[in-house]
Amino acid sequence: MRWRDGGPGGRRPPWIFWQVGESLGFPPPAGREGRARLGLPRRKGGSKRAPLLFFVDALEKRFVPAEGIRRLRFFVAWSHKWLPFGHHLWAQMTRVSDYAPAREAIRRFFETPHSMLPRTTL
């Protein structure tokens, strides 16, 4: 383990050092002045929209709707717990049967700003 890299835990989420440093009163890293750090709960909640839509696009390229929507439901079933009212997103996913309605449900859900929960009961 190399300490200058922050060890195995530091290489995966490098923003965690930014988060800890900012909470201790240090300035943002060079070149990141004026930008919100990724670790902010609201930013993390809102940043879930784009990867979810990307996932739908990837499913559409590889699977027929019946198989792809099943995989999307599985993913949302496990990941919605980190969003307040994420059960509403899950409920919307159980009602869709094609990719276009799934994208629309995701867009509607994320029209309202969301934050990530700091803890879940997982």
PDB file of N, CA and C in Angstrom:
ATOM      1  N   MET A   1       0.851  -1.177   0.000  1.00  0.00           N
ATOM      2  CA  MET A   1       0.000   0.000   0.000  1.00  0.00           C
ATOM      3  C   MET A   1       0.892   1.234   0.000  1.00  0.00           C
ATOM      4  N   ARG A   2       0.595   2.155  -0.884  1.00  0.00           N
ATOM      5  CA  ARG A   2       1.352   3.395  -0.952  1.00  0.00           C
ATOM      6  C   ARG A   2       0.536   4.504  -0.307  1.00  0.00           C
ATOM      7  N   TRP A   3       1.062   5.090   0.742  1.00  0.00           N
ATOM      8  CA  TRP A   3       0.320   6.096   1.485  1.00  0.00           C
ATOM      9  C   TRP A   3       0.110   7.375   0.683  1.00  0.00           C
ATOM     10  N   ARG A   4       1.021   7.676  -0.235  1.00  0.00           N
ATOM     11  CA  ARG A   4       0.844   8.925  -0.985  1.00  0.00           C
ATOM     12  C   ARG A   4      -0.378   8.858  -1.896  1.00  0.00           C
ATOM     13  N   ASP A   5      -0.804   7.647  -2.266  1.00  0.00           N
ATOM     14  CA  ASP A   5      -2.014   7.479  -3.067  1.00  0.00           C
ATOM     15  C   ASP A   5      -3.261   7.437  -2.196  1.00  0.00           C
ATOM     16  N   GLY A   6      -3.079   7.390  -0.899  1.00  0.00           N
ATOM     17  CA  GLY A   6      -4.221   7.308  -0.008  1.00  0.00           C
ATOM     18  C   GLY A   6      -4.654   5.885   0.249  1.00  0.00           C
ATOM     19  N   GLY A   7      -3.903   4.926  -0.215  1.00  0.00           N
ATOM     20  CA  GLY A   7      -4.250   3.530   0.006  1.00  0.00           C
ATOM     21  C   GLY A   7      -5.363   3.085  -0.919  1.00  0.00           C
ATOM     22  N   PRO A   8      -5.789   1.847  -0.788  1.00  0.00           N
ATOM     23  CA  PRO A   8      -6.822   1.303  -1.676  1.00  0.00           C
ATOM     24  C   PRO A   8      -8.131   2.092  -1.619  1.00  0.00           C
ATOM     25  N   GLY A   9      -8.499   2.583  -0.450  1.00  0.00           N
ATOM     26  CA  GLY A   9      -9.742   3.351  -0.336  1.00  0.00           C
ATOM     27  C   GLY A   9      -9.658   4.705  -0.999  1.00  0.00           C
ATOM     28  N   GLY A  10      -8.470   5.272  -1.098  1.00  0.00           N
ATOM     29  CA  GLY A  10      -8.314   6.598  -1.677  1.00  0.00           C
ATOM     30  C   GLY A  10      -8.264   6.609  -3.188  1.00  0.00           C
ATOM     31  N   ARG A  11      -7.887   5.506  -3.780  1.00  0.00           N
ATOM     32  CA  ARG A  11      -7.804   5.481  -5.239  1.00  0.00           C
ATOM     33  C   ARG A  11      -9.168   5.389  -5.892  1.00  0.00           C
ATOM     34  N   ARG A  12     -10.087   4.715  -5.269  1.00  0.00           N
ATOM     35  CA  ARG A  12     -11.412   4.557  -5.860  1.00  0.00           C
ATOM     36  C   ARG A  12     -12.191   5.874  -5.878  1.00  0.00           C
ATOM     37  N   PRO A  13     -12.481   6.475  -4.709  1.00  0.00           N
ATOM     38  CA  PRO A  13     -13.202   7.752  -4.719  1.00  0.00           C
ATOM     39  C   PRO A  13     -12.264   8.899  -4.338  1.00  0.00           C
ATOM     40  N   PRO A  14     -11.497   9.452  -5.274  1.00  0.00           N
ATOM     41  CA  PRO A  14     -10.540  10.492  -4.894  1.00  0.00           C
ATOM     42  C   PRO A  14     -11.195  11.747  -4.351  1.00  0.00           C
ATOM     43  N   TRP A  15     -12.476  11.957  -4.652  1.00  0.00           N
ATOM     44  CA  TRP A  15     -13.163  13.130  -4.140  1.00  0.00           C
ATOM     45  C   TRP A  15     -13.333  13.081  -2.632  1.00  0.00           C
ATOM     46  N   ILE A  16     -13.143  11.905  -2.029  1.00  0.00           N
ATOM     47  CA  ILE A  16     -13.335  11.800  -0.585  1.00  0.00           C
ATOM     48  C   ILE A  16     -12.331  12.661   0.169  1.00  0.00           C
ATOM     49  N   PHE A  17     -11.113  12.819  -0.383  1.00  0.00           N
ATOM     50  CA  PHE A  17     -10.129  13.687   0.266  1.00  0.00           C
ATOM     51  C   PHE A  17     -10.562  15.149   0.175  1.00  0.00           C
ATOM     52  N   TRP A  18     -11.179  15.513  -0.931  1.00  0.00           N
ATOM     53  CA  TRP A  18     -11.721  16.854  -1.099  1.00  0.00           C
ATOM     54  C   TRP A  18     -12.821  17.081  -0.062  1.00  0.00           C
ATOM     55  N   GLN A  19     -13.678  16.092   0.100  1.00  0.00           N
ATOM     56  CA  GLN A  19     -14.781  16.185   1.053  1.00  0.00           C
ATOM     57  C   GLN A  19     -14.267  16.339   2.488  1.00  0.00           C
ATOM     58  N   VAL A  20     -13.315  15.517   2.867  1.00  0.00           N
ATOM     59  CA  VAL A  20     -12.757  15.588   4.215  1.00  0.00           C
ATOM     60  C   VAL A  20     -12.014  16.900   4.416  1.00  0.00           C
ATOM     61  N   GLY A  21     -11.191  17.292   3.438  1.00  0.00           N
ATOM     62  CA  GLY A  21     -10.443  18.540   3.543  1.00  0.00           C
ATOM     63  C   GLY A  21     -11.338  19.746   3.672  1.00  0.00           C
ATOM     64  N   GLU A  22     -12.405  19.782   2.901  1.00  0.00           N
ATOM     65  CA  GLU A  22     -13.324  20.916   2.972  1.00  0.00           C
ATOM     66  C   GLU A  22     -14.031  20.965   4.324  1.00  0.00           C
ATOM     67  N   SER A  23     -14.385  19.804   4.862  1.00  0.00           N
ATOM     68  CA  SER A  23     -15.047  19.788   6.169  1.00  0.00           C
ATOM     69  C   SER A  23     -14.095  20.225   7.281  1.00  0.00           C
ATOM     70  N   LEU A  24     -12.780  20.097   7.041  1.00  0.00           N
ATOM     71  CA  LEU A  24     -11.789  20.561   8.018  1.00  0.00           C
ATOM     72  C   LEU A  24     -11.360  22.005   7.787  1.00  0.00           C
ATOM     73  N   GLY A  25     -11.911  22.636   6.744  1.00  0.00           N
ATOM     74  CA  GLY A  25     -11.629  24.036   6.488  1.00  0.00           C
ATOM     75  C   GLY A  25     -10.553  24.307   5.455  1.00  0.00           C
ATOM     76  N   PHE A  26     -10.073  23.276   4.765  1.00  0.00           N
ATOM     77  CA  PHE A  26      -9.054  23.477   3.736  1.00  0.00           C
ATOM     78  C   PHE A  26      -9.712  23.994   2.450  1.00  0.00           C
ATOM     79  N   PRO A  27      -8.968  24.738   1.629  1.00  0.00           N
ATOM     80  CA  PRO A  27      -9.527  25.208   0.362  1.00  0.00           C
ATOM     81  C   PRO A  27      -9.667  24.045  -0.623  1.00  0.00           C
ATOM     82  N   PRO A  28     -10.451  24.236  -1.700  1.00  0.00           N
ATOM     83  CA  PRO A  28     -10.584  23.181  -2.708  1.00  0.00           C
ATOM     84  C   PRO A  28      -9.253  22.906  -3.400  1.00  0.00           C
ATOM     85  N   PRO A  29      -9.092  21.753  -4.029  1.00  0.00           N
ATOM     86  CA  PRO A  29      -7.853  21.431  -4.739  1.00  0.00           C
ATOM     87  C   PRO A  29      -7.591  22.430  -5.872  1.00  0.00           C
ATOM     88  N   ALA A  30      -6.346  22.533  -6.252  1.00  0.00           N
ATOM     89  CA  ALA A  30      -5.958  23.440  -7.333  1.00  0.00           C
ATOM     90  C   ALA A  30      -6.728  23.090  -8.603  1.00  0.00           C
ATOM     91  N   GLY A  31      -7.257  24.094  -9.260  1.00  0.00           N
ATOM     92  CA  GLY A  31      -8.026  23.897 -10.479  1.00  0.00           C
ATOM     93  C   GLY A  31      -9.493  23.587 -10.229  1.00  0.00           C
ATOM     94  N   ARG A  32      -9.883  23.427  -8.977  1.00  0.00           N
ATOM     95  CA  ARG A  32     -11.285  23.099  -8.654  1.00  0.00           C
ATOM     96  C   ARG A  32     -11.964  24.229  -7.876  1.00  0.00           C
ATOM     97  N   GLU A  33     -11.355  25.395  -7.843  1.00  0.00           N
ATOM     98  CA  GLU A  33     -11.928  26.517  -7.104  1.00  0.00           C
ATOM     99  C   GLU A  33     -13.286  26.887  -7.706  1.00  0.00           C
ATOM    100  N   GLY A  34     -14.237  27.163  -6.853  1.00  0.00           N
ATOM    101  CA  GLY A  34     -15.560  27.577  -7.318  1.00  0.00           C
ATOM    102  C   GLY A  34     -16.464  26.444  -7.758  1.00  0.00           C
ATOM    103  N   ARG A  35     -15.990  25.215  -7.731  1.00  0.00           N
ATOM    104  CA  ARG A  35     -16.820  24.071  -8.114  1.00  0.00           C
ATOM    105  C   ARG A  35     -17.294  23.348  -6.861  1.00  0.00           C
ATOM    106  N   ALA A  36     -18.500  22.851  -6.917  1.00  0.00           N
ATOM    107  CA  ALA A  36     -19.030  22.082  -5.795  1.00  0.00           C
ATOM    108  C   ALA A  36     -18.393  20.702  -5.802  1.00  0.00           C
ATOM    109  N   ARG A  37     -18.032  20.223  -4.648  1.00  0.00           N
ATOM    110  CA  ARG A  37     -17.439  18.886  -4.585  1.00  0.00           C
ATOM    111  C   ARG A  37     -18.517  17.846  -4.806  1.00  0.00           C
ATOM    112  N   LEU A  38     -18.130  16.728  -5.335  1.00  0.00           N
ATOM    113  CA  LEU A  38     -19.077  15.673  -5.677  1.00  0.00           C
ATOM    114  C   LEU A  38     -19.743  15.085  -4.451  1.00  0.00           C
ATOM    115  N   GLY A  39     -19.095  15.169  -3.322  1.00  0.00           N
ATOM    116  CA  GLY A  39     -19.618  14.538  -2.130  1.00  0.00           C
ATOM    117  C   GLY A  39     -20.821  15.211  -1.508  1.00  0.00           C
ATOM    118  N   LEU A  40     -21.277  16.339  -2.042  1.00  0.00           N
ATOM    119  CA  LEU A  40     -22.445  16.993  -1.480  1.00  0.00           C
ATOM    120  C   LEU A  40     -23.684  16.142  -1.743  1.00  0.00           C
ATOM    121  N   PRO A  41     -24.520  15.920  -0.735  1.00  0.00           N
ATOM    122  CA  PRO A  41     -25.664  15.021  -0.908  1.00  0.00           C
ATOM    123  C   PRO A  41     -26.588  15.419  -2.058  1.00  0.00           C
ATOM    124  N   ARG A  42     -26.905  16.717  -2.211  1.00  0.00           N
ATOM    125  CA  ARG A  42     -27.833  17.112  -3.275  1.00  0.00           C
ATOM    126  C   ARG A  42     -27.221  16.871  -4.645  1.00  0.00           C
ATOM    127  N   ARG A  43     -25.945  17.188  -4.766  1.00  0.00           N
ATOM    128  CA  ARG A  43     -25.279  16.984  -6.054  1.00  0.00           C
ATOM    129  C   ARG A  43     -25.237  15.493  -6.397  1.00  0.00           C
ATOM    130  N   LYS A  44     -24.974  14.661  -5.395  1.00  0.00           N
ATOM    131  CA  LYS A  44     -24.924  13.225  -5.654  1.00  0.00           C
ATOM    132  C   LYS A  44     -26.284  12.697  -6.084  1.00  0.00           C
ATOM    133  N   GLY A  45     -27.352  13.198  -5.456  1.00  0.00           N
ATOM    134  CA  GLY A  45     -28.684  12.752  -5.830  1.00  0.00           C
ATOM    135  C   GLY A  45     -29.037  13.144  -7.251  1.00  0.00           C
ATOM    136  N   GLY A  46     -28.703  14.374  -7.621  1.00  0.00           N
ATOM    137  CA  GLY A  46     -28.983  14.841  -8.966  1.00  0.00           C
ATOM    138  C   GLY A  46     -28.104  14.188 -10.007  1.00  0.00           C
ATOM    139  N   SER A  47     -26.916  13.770  -9.595  1.00  0.00           N
ATOM    140  CA  SER A  47     -26.001  13.170 -10.568  1.00  0.00           C
ATOM    141  C   SER A  47     -26.369  11.718 -10.887  1.00  0.00           C
ATOM    142  N   LYS A  48     -27.381  11.196 -10.249  1.00  0.00           N
ATOM    143  CA  LYS A  48     -27.821   9.826 -10.524  1.00  0.00           C
ATOM    144  C   LYS A  48     -28.670   9.752 -11.798  1.00  0.00           C
ATOM    145  N   ARG A  49     -29.224  10.873 -12.224  1.00  0.00           N
ATOM    146  CA  ARG A  49     -30.099  10.909 -13.406  1.00  0.00           C
ATOM    147  C   ARG A  49     -29.346  10.524 -14.686  1.00  0.00           C
ATOM    148  N   ALA A  50     -28.228  11.175 -14.950  1.00  0.00           N
ATOM    149  CA  ALA A  50     -27.484  10.928 -16.192  1.00  0.00           C
ATOM    150  C   ALA A  50     -27.000   9.476 -16.306  1.00  0.00           C
ATOM    151  N   PRO A  51     -26.402   8.899 -15.260  1.00  0.00           N
ATOM    152  CA  PRO A  51     -25.992   7.490 -15.395  1.00  0.00           C
ATOM    153  C   PRO A  51     -27.175   6.534 -15.578  1.00  0.00           C
ATOM    154  N   LEU A  52     -28.291   6.865 -14.971  1.00  0.00           N
ATOM    155  CA  LEU A  52     -29.468   6.010 -15.126  1.00  0.00           C
ATOM    156  C   LEU A  52     -29.983   6.063 -16.564  1.00  0.00           C
ATOM    157  N   LEU A  53     -30.003   7.251 -17.156  1.00  0.00           N
ATOM    158  CA  LEU A  53     -30.404   7.365 -18.564  1.00  0.00           C
ATOM    159  C   LEU A  53     -29.386   6.688 -19.481  1.00  0.00           C
ATOM    160  N   PHE A  54     -28.103   6.785 -19.141  1.00  0.00           N
ATOM    161  CA  PHE A  54     -27.063   6.092 -19.905  1.00  0.00           C
ATOM    162  C   PHE A  54     -27.276   4.581 -19.840  1.00  0.00           C
ATOM    163  N   PHE A  55     -27.636   4.097 -18.658  1.00  0.00           N
ATOM    164  CA  PHE A  55     -27.905   2.674 -18.480  1.00  0.00           C
ATOM    165  C   PHE A  55     -29.082   2.230 -19.349  1.00  0.00           C
ATOM    166  N   VAL A  56     -30.123   3.043 -19.416  1.00  0.00           N
ATOM    167  CA  VAL A  56     -31.272   2.719 -20.273  1.00  0.00           C
ATOM    168  C   VAL A  56     -30.828   2.652 -21.733  1.00  0.00           C
ATOM    169  N   ASP A  57     -29.995   3.606 -22.162  1.00  0.00           N
ATOM    170  CA  ASP A  57     -29.480   3.588 -23.535  1.00  0.00           C
ATOM    171  C   ASP A  57     -28.680   2.317 -23.813  1.00  0.00           C
ATOM    172  N   ALA A  58     -27.836   1.932 -22.851  1.00  0.00           N
ATOM    173  CA  ALA A  58     -27.026   0.720 -23.026  1.00  0.00           C
ATOM    174  C   ALA A  58     -27.910  -0.524 -23.087  1.00  0.00           C
ATOM    175  N   LEU A  59     -28.935  -0.564 -22.259  1.00  0.00           N
ATOM    176  CA  LEU A  59     -29.864  -1.699 -22.295  1.00  0.00           C
ATOM    177  C   LEU A  59     -30.580  -1.774 -23.634  1.00  0.00           C
ATOM    178  N   GLU A  60     -30.964  -0.617 -24.157  1.00  0.00           N
ATOM    179  CA  GLU A  60     -31.689  -0.586 -25.426  1.00  0.00           C
ATOM    180  C   GLU A  60     -30.841  -1.116 -26.579  1.00  0.00           C
ATOM    181  N   LYS A  61     -29.528  -0.867 -26.516  1.00  0.00           N
ATOM    182  CA  LYS A  61     -28.632  -1.347 -27.573  1.00  0.00           C
ATOM    183  C   LYS A  61     -28.433  -2.861 -27.518  1.00  0.00           C
ATOM    184  N   ARG A  62     -28.546  -3.442 -26.330  1.00  0.00           N
ATOM    185  CA  ARG A  62     -28.176  -4.843 -26.164  1.00  0.00           C
ATOM    186  C   ARG A  62     -29.336  -5.811 -25.949  1.00  0.00           C
ATOM    187  N   PHE A  63     -30.489  -5.303 -25.505  1.00  0.00           N
ATOM    188  CA  PHE A  63     -31.578  -6.207 -25.135  1.00  0.00           C
ATOM    189  C   PHE A  63     -32.903  -5.759 -25.733  1.00  0.00           C
ATOM    190  N   VAL A  64     -33.757  -6.726 -25.996  1.00  0.00           N
ATOM    191  CA  VAL A  64     -35.130  -6.398 -26.378  1.00  0.00           C
ATOM    192  C   VAL A  64     -35.798  -5.793 -25.142  1.00  0.00           C
ATOM    193  N   PRO A  65     -36.859  -5.020 -25.329  1.00  0.00           N
ATOM    194  CA  PRO A  65     -37.458  -4.330 -24.175  1.00  0.00           C
ATOM    195  C   PRO A  65     -37.827  -5.228 -22.994  1.00  0.00           C
ATOM    196  N   ALA A  66     -38.366  -6.386 -23.236  1.00  0.00           N
ATOM    197  CA  ALA A  66     -38.776  -7.258 -22.116  1.00  0.00           C
ATOM    198  C   ALA A  66     -37.592  -7.616 -21.221  1.00  0.00           C
ATOM    199  N   GLU A  67     -36.452  -7.930 -21.815  1.00  0.00           N
ATOM    200  CA  GLU A  67     -35.267  -8.292 -21.024  1.00  0.00           C
ATOM    201  C   GLU A  67     -34.598  -7.066 -20.415  1.00  0.00           C
ATOM    202  N   GLY A  68     -34.507  -5.996 -21.188  1.00  0.00           N
ATOM    203  CA  GLY A  68     -33.842  -4.788 -20.704  1.00  0.00           C
ATOM    204  C   GLY A  68     -34.591  -4.125 -19.565  1.00  0.00           C
ATOM    205  N   ILE A  69     -35.895  -4.045 -19.678  1.00  0.00           N
ATOM    206  CA  ILE A  69     -36.698  -3.422 -18.617  1.00  0.00           C
ATOM    207  C   ILE A  69     -36.614  -4.249 -17.343  1.00  0.00           C
ATOM    208  N   ARG A  70     -36.523  -5.561 -17.472  1.00  0.00           N
ATOM    209  CA  ARG A  70     -36.349  -6.414 -16.281  1.00  0.00           C
ATOM    210  C   ARG A  70     -35.041  -6.078 -15.568  1.00  0.00           C
ATOM    211  N   ARG A  71     -33.975  -5.870 -16.331  1.00  0.00           N
ATOM    212  CA  ARG A  71     -32.684  -5.501 -15.742  1.00  0.00           C
ATOM    213  C   ARG A  71     -32.739  -4.102 -15.124  1.00  0.00           C
ATOM    214  N   LEU A  72     -33.440  -3.191 -15.785  1.00  0.00           N
ATOM    215  CA  LEU A  72     -33.588  -1.834 -15.249  1.00  0.00           C
ATOM    216  C   LEU A  72     -34.345  -1.870 -13.926  1.00  0.00           C
ATOM    217  N   ARG A  73     -35.395  -2.657 -13.860  1.00  0.00           N
ATOM    218  CA  ARG A  73     -36.157  -2.776 -12.610  1.00  0.00           C
ATOM    219  C   ARG A  73     -35.295  -3.340 -11.488  1.00  0.00           C
ATOM    220  N   PHE A  74     -34.482  -4.329 -11.802  1.00  0.00           N
ATOM    221  CA  PHE A  74     -33.597  -4.904 -10.794  1.00  0.00           C
ATOM    222  C   PHE A  74     -32.628  -3.846 -10.269  1.00  0.00           C
ATOM    223  N   PHE A  75     -32.039  -3.076 -11.193  1.00  0.00           N
ATOM    224  CA  PHE A  75     -31.093  -2.040 -10.788  1.00  0.00           C
ATOM    225  C   PHE A  75     -31.770  -0.978  -9.916  1.00  0.00           C
ATOM    226  N   VAL A  76     -32.922  -0.507 -10.336  1.00  0.00           N
ATOM    227  CA  VAL A  76     -33.626   0.530  -9.573  1.00  0.00           C
ATOM    228  C   VAL A  76     -34.107  -0.024  -8.238  1.00  0.00           C
ATOM    229  N   ALA A  77     -34.484  -1.295  -8.201  1.00  0.00           N
ATOM    230  CA  ALA A  77     -34.936  -1.893  -6.941  1.00  0.00           C
ATOM    231  C   ALA A  77     -33.855  -1.841  -5.871  1.00  0.00           C
ATOM    232  N   TRP A  78     -32.608  -1.987  -6.265  1.00  0.00           N
ATOM    233  CA  TRP A  78     -31.514  -1.960  -5.291  1.00  0.00           C
ATOM    234  C   TRP A  78     -30.952  -0.570  -5.049  1.00  0.00           C
ATOM    235  N   SER A  79     -31.056   0.319  -6.021  1.00  0.00           N
ATOM    236  CA  SER A  79     -30.416   1.626  -5.859  1.00  0.00           C
ATOM    237  C   SER A  79     -31.369   2.721  -5.408  1.00  0.00           C
ATOM    238  N   HIS A  80     -32.679   2.521  -5.481  1.00  0.00           N
ATOM    239  CA  HIS A  80     -33.603   3.593  -5.116  1.00  0.00           C
ATOM    240  C   HIS A  80     -33.580   3.905  -3.626  1.00  0.00           C
ATOM    241  N   LYS A  81     -33.051   3.023  -2.826  1.00  0.00           N
ATOM    242  CA  LYS A  81     -33.053   3.201  -1.376  1.00  0.00           C
ATOM    243  C   LYS A  81     -32.208   4.388  -0.925  1.00  0.00           C
ATOM    244  N   TRP A  82     -31.304   4.838  -1.781  1.00  0.00           N
ATOM    245  CA  TRP A  82     -30.428   5.956  -1.429  1.00  0.00           C
ATOM    246  C   TRP A  82     -31.067   7.305  -1.719  1.00  0.00           C
ATOM    247  N   LEU A  83     -32.222   7.329  -2.346  1.00  0.00           N
ATOM    248  CA  LEU A  83     -32.891   8.578  -2.678  1.00  0.00           C
ATOM    249  C   LEU A  83     -34.157   8.728  -1.841  1.00  0.00           C
ATOM    250  N   PRO A  84     -34.364   9.908  -1.244  1.00  0.00           N
ATOM    251  CA  PRO A  84     -35.652  10.123  -0.578  1.00  0.00           C
ATOM    252  C   PRO A  84     -36.776   9.995  -1.610  1.00  0.00           C
ATOM    253  N   PHE A  85     -37.798   9.289  -1.280  1.00  0.00           N
ATOM    254  CA  PHE A  85     -38.917   9.018  -2.180  1.00  0.00           C
ATOM    255  C   PHE A  85     -38.485   8.206  -3.394  1.00  0.00           C
ATOM    256  N   GLY A  86     -37.374   7.489  -3.272  1.00  0.00           N
ATOM    257  CA  GLY A  86     -36.914   6.619  -4.351  1.00  0.00           C
ATOM    258  C   GLY A  86     -37.900   5.497  -4.639  1.00  0.00           C
ATOM    259  N   HIS A  87     -38.723   5.167  -3.644  1.00  0.00           N
ATOM    260  CA  HIS A  87     -39.741   4.136  -3.878  1.00  0.00           C
ATOM    261  C   HIS A  87     -40.719   4.580  -4.969  1.00  0.00           C
ATOM    262  N   HIS A  88     -40.878   5.891  -5.139  1.00  0.00           N
ATOM    263  CA  HIS A  88     -41.738   6.384  -6.212  1.00  0.00           C
ATOM    264  C   HIS A  88     -41.118   6.068  -7.583  1.00  0.00           C
ATOM    265  N   LEU A  89     -39.795   6.234  -7.687  1.00  0.00           N
ATOM    266  CA  LEU A  89     -39.104   5.879  -8.928  1.00  0.00           C
ATOM    267  C   LEU A  89     -39.260   4.387  -9.201  1.00  0.00           C
ATOM    268  N   TRP A  90     -39.110   3.578  -8.154  1.00  0.00           N
ATOM    269  CA  TRP A  90     -39.274   2.139  -8.308  1.00  0.00           C
ATOM    270  C   TRP A  90     -40.695   1.808  -8.779  1.00  0.00           C
ATOM    271  N   ALA A  91     -41.694   2.464  -8.197  1.00  0.00           N
ATOM    272  CA  ALA A  91     -43.079   2.218  -8.593  1.00  0.00           C
ATOM    273  C   ALA A  91     -43.298   2.575 -10.065  1.00  0.00           C
ATOM    274  N   GLN A  92     -42.685   3.657 -10.514  1.00  0.00           N
ATOM    275  CA  GLN A  92     -42.811   4.045 -11.919  1.00  0.00           C
ATOM    276  C   GLN A  92     -42.164   3.004 -12.837  1.00  0.00           C
ATOM    277  N   MET A  93     -41.038   2.451 -12.404  1.00  0.00           N
ATOM    278  CA  MET A  93     -40.355   1.442 -13.224  1.00  0.00           C
ATOM    279  C   MET A  93     -41.167   0.157 -13.328  1.00  0.00           C
ATOM    280  N   THR A  94     -41.978  -0.163 -12.335  1.00  0.00           N
ATOM    281  CA  THR A  94     -42.792  -1.373 -12.404  1.00  0.00           C
ATOM    282  C   THR A  94     -43.935  -1.226 -13.402  1.00  0.00           C
ATOM    283  N   ARG A  95     -44.247   0.015 -13.784  1.00  0.00           N
ATOM    284  CA  ARG A  95     -45.360   0.262 -14.703  1.00  0.00           C
ATOM    285  C   ARG A  95     -44.935   0.394 -16.164  1.00  0.00           C
ATOM    286  N   VAL A  96     -43.643   0.523 -16.423  1.00  0.00           N
ATOM    287  CA  VAL A  96     -43.200   0.717 -17.810  1.00  0.00           C
ATOM    288  C   VAL A  96     -42.940  -0.636 -18.473  1.00  0.00           C
ATOM    289  N   SER A  97     -43.097  -0.656 -19.793  1.00  0.00           N
ATOM    290  CA  SER A  97     -42.828  -1.893 -20.528  1.00  0.00           C
ATOM    291  C   SER A  97     -41.922  -1.648 -21.728  1.00  0.00           C
ATOM    292  N   ASP A  98     -41.486  -0.401 -21.908  1.00  0.00           N
ATOM    293  CA  ASP A  98     -40.611  -0.063 -23.023  1.00  0.00           C
ATOM    294  C   ASP A  98     -39.618   1.004 -22.557  1.00  0.00           C
ATOM    295  N   TYR A  99     -38.637   1.261 -23.391  1.00  0.00           N
ATOM    296  CA  TYR A  99     -37.563   2.179 -23.007  1.00  0.00           C
ATOM    297  C   TYR A  99     -37.999   3.640 -22.977  1.00  0.00           C
ATOM    298  N   ALA A 100     -38.810   4.077 -23.921  1.00  0.00           N
ATOM    299  CA  ALA A 100     -39.228   5.483 -23.962  1.00  0.00           C
ATOM    300  C   ALA A 100     -40.001   5.886 -22.705  1.00  0.00           C
ATOM    301  N   PRO A 101     -40.999   5.099 -22.269  1.00  0.00           N
ATOM    302  CA  PRO A 101     -41.683   5.457 -21.017  1.00  0.00           C
ATOM    303  C   PRO A 101     -40.752   5.406 -19.798  1.00  0.00           C
ATOM    304  N   ALA A 102     -39.772   4.524 -19.828  1.00  0.00           N
ATOM    305  CA  ALA A 102     -38.811   4.451 -18.717  1.00  0.00           C
ATOM    306  C   ALA A 102     -37.984   5.735 -18.644  1.00  0.00           C
ATOM    307  N   ARG A 103     -37.516   6.206 -19.803  1.00  0.00           N
ATOM    308  CA  ARG A 103     -36.751   7.466 -19.832  1.00  0.00           C
ATOM    309  C   ARG A 103     -37.602   8.629 -19.328  1.00  0.00           C
ATOM    310  N   GLU A 104     -38.849   8.669 -19.762  1.00  0.00           N
ATOM    311  CA  GLU A 104     -39.740   9.753 -19.350  1.00  0.00           C
ATOM    312  C   GLU A 104     -39.986   9.702 -17.841  1.00  0.00           C
ATOM    313  N   ALA A 105     -40.170   8.525 -17.281  1.00  0.00           N
ATOM    314  CA  ALA A 105     -40.377   8.389 -15.833  1.00  0.00           C
ATOM    315  C   ALA A 105     -39.138   8.850 -15.066  1.00  0.00           C
ATOM    316  N   ILE A 106     -37.968   8.524 -15.568  1.00  0.00           N
ATOM    317  CA  ILE A 106     -36.715   8.958 -14.920  1.00  0.00           C
ATOM    318  C   ILE A 106     -36.596  10.478 -14.982  1.00  0.00           C
ATOM    319  N   ARG A 107     -36.883  11.052 -16.145  1.00  0.00           N
ATOM    320  CA  ARG A 107     -36.813  12.517 -16.282  1.00  0.00           C
ATOM    321  C   ARG A 107     -37.794  13.211 -15.345  1.00  0.00           C
ATOM    322  N   ARG A 108     -39.022  12.700 -15.277  1.00  0.00           N
ATOM    323  CA  ARG A 108     -40.023  13.300 -14.375  1.00  0.00           C
ATOM    324  C   ARG A 108     -39.582  13.205 -12.922  1.00  0.00           C
ATOM    325  N   PHE A 109     -39.031  12.058 -12.538  1.00  0.00           N
ATOM    326  CA  PHE A 109     -38.611  11.877 -11.143  1.00  0.00           C
ATOM    327  C   PHE A 109     -37.519  12.866 -10.769  1.00  0.00           C
ATOM    328  N   PHE A 110     -36.560  13.096 -11.665  1.00  0.00           N
ATOM    329  CA  PHE A 110     -35.426  13.959 -11.341  1.00  0.00           C
ATOM    330  C   PHE A 110     -35.681  15.435 -11.658  1.00  0.00           C
ATOM    331  N   GLU A 111     -36.899  15.799 -12.080  1.00  0.00           N
ATOM    332  CA  GLU A 111     -37.232  17.215 -12.227  1.00  0.00           C
ATOM    333  C   GLU A 111     -37.188  17.914 -10.873  1.00  0.00           C
ATOM    334  N   THR A 112     -37.513  17.185  -9.833  1.00  0.00           N
ATOM    335  CA  THR A 112     -37.417  17.691  -8.470  1.00  0.00           C
ATOM    336  C   THR A 112     -36.014  17.398  -7.955  1.00  0.00           C
ATOM    337  N   PRO A 113     -35.322  18.385  -7.365  1.00  0.00           N
ATOM    338  CA  PRO A 113     -33.970  18.120  -6.844  1.00  0.00           C
ATOM    339  C   PRO A 113     -33.992  17.033  -5.760  1.00  0.00           C
ATOM    340  N   HIS A 114     -33.035  16.136  -5.828  1.00  0.00           N
ATOM    341  CA  HIS A 114     -32.944  15.041  -4.863  1.00  0.00           C
ATOM    342  C   HIS A 114     -31.569  15.038  -4.218  1.00  0.00           C
ATOM    343  N   SER A 115     -31.533  14.601  -2.982  1.00  0.00           N
ATOM    344  CA  SER A 115     -30.256  14.422  -2.293  1.00  0.00           C
ATOM    345  C   SER A 115     -30.110  12.951  -1.952  1.00  0.00           C
ATOM    346  N   MET A 116     -28.883  12.546  -1.729  1.00  0.00           N
ATOM    347  CA  MET A 116     -28.639  11.159  -1.334  1.00  0.00           C
ATOM    348  C   MET A 116     -28.801  11.052   0.178  1.00  0.00           C
ATOM    349  N   LEU A 117     -29.352   9.955   0.615  1.00  0.00           N
ATOM    350  CA  LEU A 117     -29.460   9.724   2.059  1.00  0.00           C
ATOM    351  C   LEU A 117     -28.081   9.379   2.614  1.00  0.00           C
ATOM    352  N   PRO A 118     -27.732   9.903   3.797  1.00  0.00           N
ATOM    353  CA  PRO A 118     -26.428   9.587   4.363  1.00  0.00           C
ATOM    354  C   PRO A 118     -26.318   8.129   4.806  1.00  0.00           C
ATOM    355  N   ARG A 119     -27.450   7.522   5.167  1.00  0.00           N
ATOM    356  CA  ARG A 119     -27.469   6.126   5.605  1.00  0.00           C
ATOM    357  C   ARG A 119     -28.758   5.479   5.153  1.00  0.00           C
ATOM    358  N   THR A 120     -28.728   4.192   4.989  1.00  0.00           N
ATOM    359  CA  THR A 120     -29.942   3.441   4.722  1.00  0.00           C
ATOM    360  C   THR A 120     -29.995   2.294   5.717  1.00  0.00           C
ATOM    361  N   THR A 121     -31.054   1.528   5.684  1.00  0.00           N
ATOM    362  CA  THR A 121     -31.182   0.376   6.574  1.00  0.00           C
ATOM    363  C   THR A 121     -30.710  -0.898   5.891  1.00  0.00           C
ATOM    364  N   LEU A 122     -29.890  -0.760   4.858  1.00  0.00           N
ATOM    365  CA  LEU A 122     -29.405  -1.947   4.141  1.00  0.00           C
ATOM    366  C   LEU A 122     -28.500  -2.777   5.017  1.00  0.00           C
TER     367      LEU A 122
END
